[in-house]
């Protein structure tokens, strides 16, 4: 506002955030060269997500493993973490939030809720190309 004027214009509201984007599990499996420098293929899932019961699989192996339950959550968790860590992906969650969602799921053994929550955002629209 101009202090000398009685006709102050209302402040402009900031533009809405851009819509969420997220690349799929298949994308990250095929583009390991585009992983964030924060993570390497050989990093251990259990250590990254602070989940002892997840076993000692690497992030790369976790992306490739078949199955439902905790294995499906593992695939979506790694995918979500890679999305959240990439500066060109406007992911719905931060890496810290992804880790908390996954840890909570393993602690409570409610894998389905976290899996569907992450999967929803992992398959939005991949801004990184094919």
C-alpha atoms as a PDB file:
ATOM      1  CA  UNK A   1       0.000   0.000   0.000  1.00  0.00           C
ATOM      2  CA  UNK A   2       1.025   3.538  -0.647  1.00  0.00           C
ATOM      3  CA  UNK A   3       1.041   5.185   2.772  1.00  0.00           C
ATOM      4  CA  UNK A   4       0.021   8.517   1.333  1.00  0.00           C
ATOM      5  CA  UNK A   5      -3.089   7.208  -0.326  1.00  0.00           C
ATOM      6  CA  UNK A   6      -6.383   6.268   1.268  1.00  0.00           C
ATOM      7  CA  UNK A   7      -7.189   3.999  -1.672  1.00  0.00           C
ATOM      8  CA  UNK A   8      -5.062   0.990  -0.872  1.00  0.00           C
ATOM      9  CA  UNK A   9      -5.357  -1.837  -3.338  1.00  0.00           C
ATOM     10  CA  UNK A  10      -5.847  -5.264  -1.844  1.00  0.00           C
ATOM     11  CA  UNK A  11      -2.685  -7.316  -1.750  1.00  0.00           C
ATOM     12  CA  UNK A  12      -2.294  -9.703  -4.603  1.00  0.00           C
ATOM     13  CA  UNK A  13      -2.716 -13.310  -3.617  1.00  0.00           C
ATOM     14  CA  UNK A  14       0.159 -15.537  -4.679  1.00  0.00           C
ATOM     15  CA  UNK A  15      -0.484 -17.796  -7.646  1.00  0.00           C
ATOM     16  CA  UNK A  16      -1.569 -21.332  -6.771  1.00  0.00           C
ATOM     17  CA  UNK A  17       1.237 -23.878  -6.663  1.00  0.00           C
ATOM     18  CA  UNK A  18       1.770 -25.814  -9.865  1.00  0.00           C
ATOM     19  CA  UNK A  19      -0.016 -29.157 -10.021  1.00  0.00           C
ATOM     20  CA  UNK A  20       1.828 -32.123  -8.586  1.00  0.00           C
ATOM     21  CA  UNK A  21       3.979 -34.167 -10.899  1.00  0.00           C
ATOM     22  CA  UNK A  22       5.523 -37.562 -10.362  1.00  0.00           C
ATOM     23  CA  UNK A  23       7.321 -40.155 -12.469  1.00  0.00           C
ATOM     24  CA  UNK A  24       6.349 -43.807 -12.299  1.00  0.00           C
ATOM     25  CA  UNK A  25       8.178 -46.795 -10.922  1.00  0.00           C
ATOM     26  CA  UNK A  26       8.911 -47.927 -14.487  1.00  0.00           C
ATOM     27  CA  UNK A  27      10.444 -44.533 -15.310  1.00  0.00           C
ATOM     28  CA  UNK A  28      12.905 -44.654 -12.406  1.00  0.00           C
ATOM     29  CA  UNK A  29      13.801 -48.298 -13.118  1.00  0.00           C
ATOM     30  CA  UNK A  30      14.741 -47.323 -16.657  1.00  0.00           C
ATOM     31  CA  UNK A  31      16.472 -44.039 -15.811  1.00  0.00           C
ATOM     32  CA  UNK A  32      18.827 -44.768 -12.939  1.00  0.00           C
ATOM     33  CA  UNK A  33      21.150 -42.110 -14.369  1.00  0.00           C
ATOM     34  CA  UNK A  34      18.541 -39.482 -13.430  1.00  0.00           C
ATOM     35  CA  UNK A  35      18.399 -40.423  -9.748  1.00  0.00           C
ATOM     36  CA  UNK A  36      19.108 -37.598  -7.347  1.00  0.00           C
ATOM     37  CA  UNK A  37      22.753 -37.357  -6.314  1.00  0.00           C
ATOM     38  CA  UNK A  38      21.473 -37.935  -2.768  1.00  0.00           C
ATOM     39  CA  UNK A  39      20.780 -41.604  -3.516  1.00  0.00           C
ATOM     40  CA  UNK A  40      22.655 -44.410  -5.196  1.00  0.00           C
ATOM     41  CA  UNK A  41      21.310 -47.683  -6.588  1.00  0.00           C
ATOM     42  CA  UNK A  42      23.122 -49.606  -3.847  1.00  0.00           C
ATOM     43  CA  UNK A  43      21.763 -47.579  -0.912  1.00  0.00           C
ATOM     44  CA  UNK A  44      19.816 -49.821   1.463  1.00  0.00           C
ATOM     45  CA  UNK A  45      16.062 -49.372   1.763  1.00  0.00           C
ATOM     46  CA  UNK A  46      16.000 -50.172   5.480  1.00  0.00           C
ATOM     47  CA  UNK A  47      18.696 -47.601   6.246  1.00  0.00           C
ATOM     48  CA  UNK A  48      17.187 -44.827   4.112  1.00  0.00           C
ATOM     49  CA  UNK A  49      13.668 -45.292   5.507  1.00  0.00           C
ATOM     50  CA  UNK A  50      14.813 -46.337   9.012  1.00  0.00           C
ATOM     51  CA  UNK A  51      12.819 -49.557   8.790  1.00  0.00           C
ATOM     52  CA  UNK A  52      14.659 -52.612  10.121  1.00  0.00           C
ATOM     53  CA  UNK A  53      11.894 -55.041   9.154  1.00  0.00           C
ATOM     54  CA  UNK A  54      12.250 -54.147   5.461  1.00  0.00           C
ATOM     55  CA  UNK A  55      15.324 -56.293   5.041  1.00  0.00           C
ATOM     56  CA  UNK A  56      18.593 -55.297   3.478  1.00  0.00           C
ATOM     57  CA  UNK A  57      17.556 -54.752  -0.157  1.00  0.00           C
ATOM     58  CA  UNK A  58      19.108 -51.969  -2.191  1.00  0.00           C
ATOM     59  CA  UNK A  59      16.905 -49.175  -3.516  1.00  0.00           C
ATOM     60  CA  UNK A  60      17.465 -50.515  -7.017  1.00  0.00           C
ATOM     61  CA  UNK A  61      16.467 -54.082  -6.042  1.00  0.00           C
ATOM     62  CA  UNK A  62      13.431 -52.743  -4.179  1.00  0.00           C
ATOM     63  CA  UNK A  63      12.226 -51.049  -7.385  1.00  0.00           C
ATOM     64  CA  UNK A  64      12.541 -54.364  -9.251  1.00  0.00           C
ATOM     65  CA  UNK A  65      10.942 -56.762  -6.752  1.00  0.00           C
ATOM     66  CA  UNK A  66       7.511 -58.226  -7.475  1.00  0.00           C
ATOM     67  CA  UNK A  67       4.739 -58.783  -4.969  1.00  0.00           C
ATOM     68  CA  UNK A  68       2.152 -56.999  -2.899  1.00  0.00           C
ATOM     69  CA  UNK A  69       2.008 -55.736   0.679  1.00  0.00           C
ATOM     70  CA  UNK A  70       5.318 -54.441   1.967  1.00  0.00           C
ATOM     71  CA  UNK A  71       7.037 -55.225  -1.366  1.00  0.00           C
ATOM     72  CA  UNK A  72       4.570 -53.071  -3.288  1.00  0.00           C
ATOM     73  CA  UNK A  73       4.978 -50.312  -0.703  1.00  0.00           C
ATOM     74  CA  UNK A  74       8.737 -50.609  -1.136  1.00  0.00           C
ATOM     75  CA  UNK A  75       8.470 -50.006  -4.888  1.00  0.00           C
ATOM     76  CA  UNK A  76       6.177 -47.005  -4.404  1.00  0.00           C
ATOM     77  CA  UNK A  77       8.330 -45.673  -1.539  1.00  0.00           C
ATOM     78  CA  UNK A  78      11.534 -45.658  -3.593  1.00  0.00           C
ATOM     79  CA  UNK A  79       9.637 -44.123  -6.512  1.00  0.00           C
ATOM     80  CA  UNK A  80       8.184 -41.428  -4.235  1.00  0.00           C
ATOM     81  CA  UNK A  81      11.571 -40.679  -2.694  1.00  0.00           C
ATOM     82  CA  UNK A  82      13.162 -40.260  -6.124  1.00  0.00           C
ATOM     83  CA  UNK A  83      10.313 -38.000  -7.211  1.00  0.00           C
ATOM     84  CA  UNK A  84      10.489 -35.905  -4.040  1.00  0.00           C
ATOM     85  CA  UNK A  85      14.280 -35.577  -4.334  1.00  0.00           C
ATOM     86  CA  UNK A  86      14.328 -34.405  -7.935  1.00  0.00           C
ATOM     87  CA  UNK A  87      14.272 -30.602  -8.319  1.00  0.00           C
ATOM     88  CA  UNK A  88      12.489 -30.870 -11.685  1.00  0.00           C
ATOM     89  CA  UNK A  89       9.600 -32.891 -10.256  1.00  0.00           C
ATOM     90  CA  UNK A  90       6.975 -30.918  -8.316  1.00  0.00           C
ATOM     91  CA  UNK A  91       6.093 -33.822  -6.031  1.00  0.00           C
ATOM     92  CA  UNK A  92       3.266 -33.633  -3.516  1.00  0.00           C
ATOM     93  CA  UNK A  93       5.472 -34.719  -0.576  1.00  0.00           C
ATOM     94  CA  UNK A  94       8.966 -33.801   0.588  1.00  0.00           C
ATOM     95  CA  UNK A  95      11.578 -36.557   1.049  1.00  0.00           C
ATOM     96  CA  UNK A  96      11.109 -36.250   4.831  1.00  0.00           C
ATOM     97  CA  UNK A  97       7.338 -36.709   4.494  1.00  0.00           C
ATOM     98  CA  UNK A  98       7.802 -39.736   2.220  1.00  0.00           C
ATOM     99  CA  UNK A  99      10.125 -41.341   4.770  1.00  0.00           C
ATOM    100  CA  UNK A 100       7.642 -40.668   7.598  1.00  0.00           C
ATOM    101  CA  UNK A 101       4.721 -42.175   5.628  1.00  0.00           C
ATOM    102  CA  UNK A 102       6.749 -45.299   4.872  1.00  0.00           C
ATOM    103  CA  UNK A 103       8.095 -45.682   8.407  1.00  0.00           C
ATOM    104  CA  UNK A 104       4.575 -45.333   9.825  1.00  0.00           C
ATOM    105  CA  UNK A 105       3.282 -47.965   7.393  1.00  0.00           C
ATOM    106  CA  UNK A 106       5.975 -50.447   8.407  1.00  0.00           C
ATOM    107  CA  UNK A 107       5.478 -49.674  12.110  1.00  0.00           C
ATOM    108  CA  UNK A 108       1.710 -50.253  11.898  1.00  0.00           C
ATOM    109  CA  UNK A 109       1.861 -52.938   9.164  1.00  0.00           C
ATOM    110  CA  UNK A 110      -0.763 -50.943   7.227  1.00  0.00           C
ATOM    111  CA  UNK A 111       0.986 -51.081   3.873  1.00  0.00           C
ATOM    112  CA  UNK A 112      -2.073 -50.535   1.666  1.00  0.00           C
ATOM    113  CA  UNK A 113      -2.943 -47.012   2.858  1.00  0.00           C
ATOM    114  CA  UNK A 114       0.585 -45.706   2.285  1.00  0.00           C
ATOM    115  CA  UNK A 115       0.934 -47.584  -1.003  1.00  0.00           C
ATOM    116  CA  UNK A 116      -2.208 -46.074  -2.507  1.00  0.00           C
ATOM    117  CA  UNK A 117      -1.333 -42.616  -1.166  1.00  0.00           C
ATOM    118  CA  UNK A 118       2.127 -42.666  -2.758  1.00  0.00           C
ATOM    119  CA  UNK A 119       1.012 -44.435  -5.938  1.00  0.00           C
ATOM    120  CA  UNK A 120      -1.533 -41.688  -6.584  1.00  0.00           C
ATOM    121  CA  UNK A 121       1.220 -39.058  -6.781  1.00  0.00           C
ATOM    122  CA  UNK A 122       3.823 -41.315  -8.425  1.00  0.00           C
ATOM    123  CA  UNK A 123       1.677 -41.518 -11.509  1.00  0.00           C
ATOM    124  CA  UNK A 124       0.656 -37.882 -11.977  1.00  0.00           C
ATOM    125  CA  UNK A 125       2.637 -36.597 -14.924  1.00  0.00           C
ATOM    126  CA  UNK A 126       6.354 -37.079 -15.443  1.00  0.00           C
ATOM    127  CA  UNK A 127       8.073 -33.792 -16.373  1.00  0.00           C
ATOM    128  CA  UNK A 128      11.368 -35.546 -17.130  1.00  0.00           C
ATOM    129  CA  UNK A 129      10.368 -37.009 -20.488  1.00  0.00           C
ATOM    130  CA  UNK A 130      10.499 -40.638 -21.546  1.00  0.00           C
END
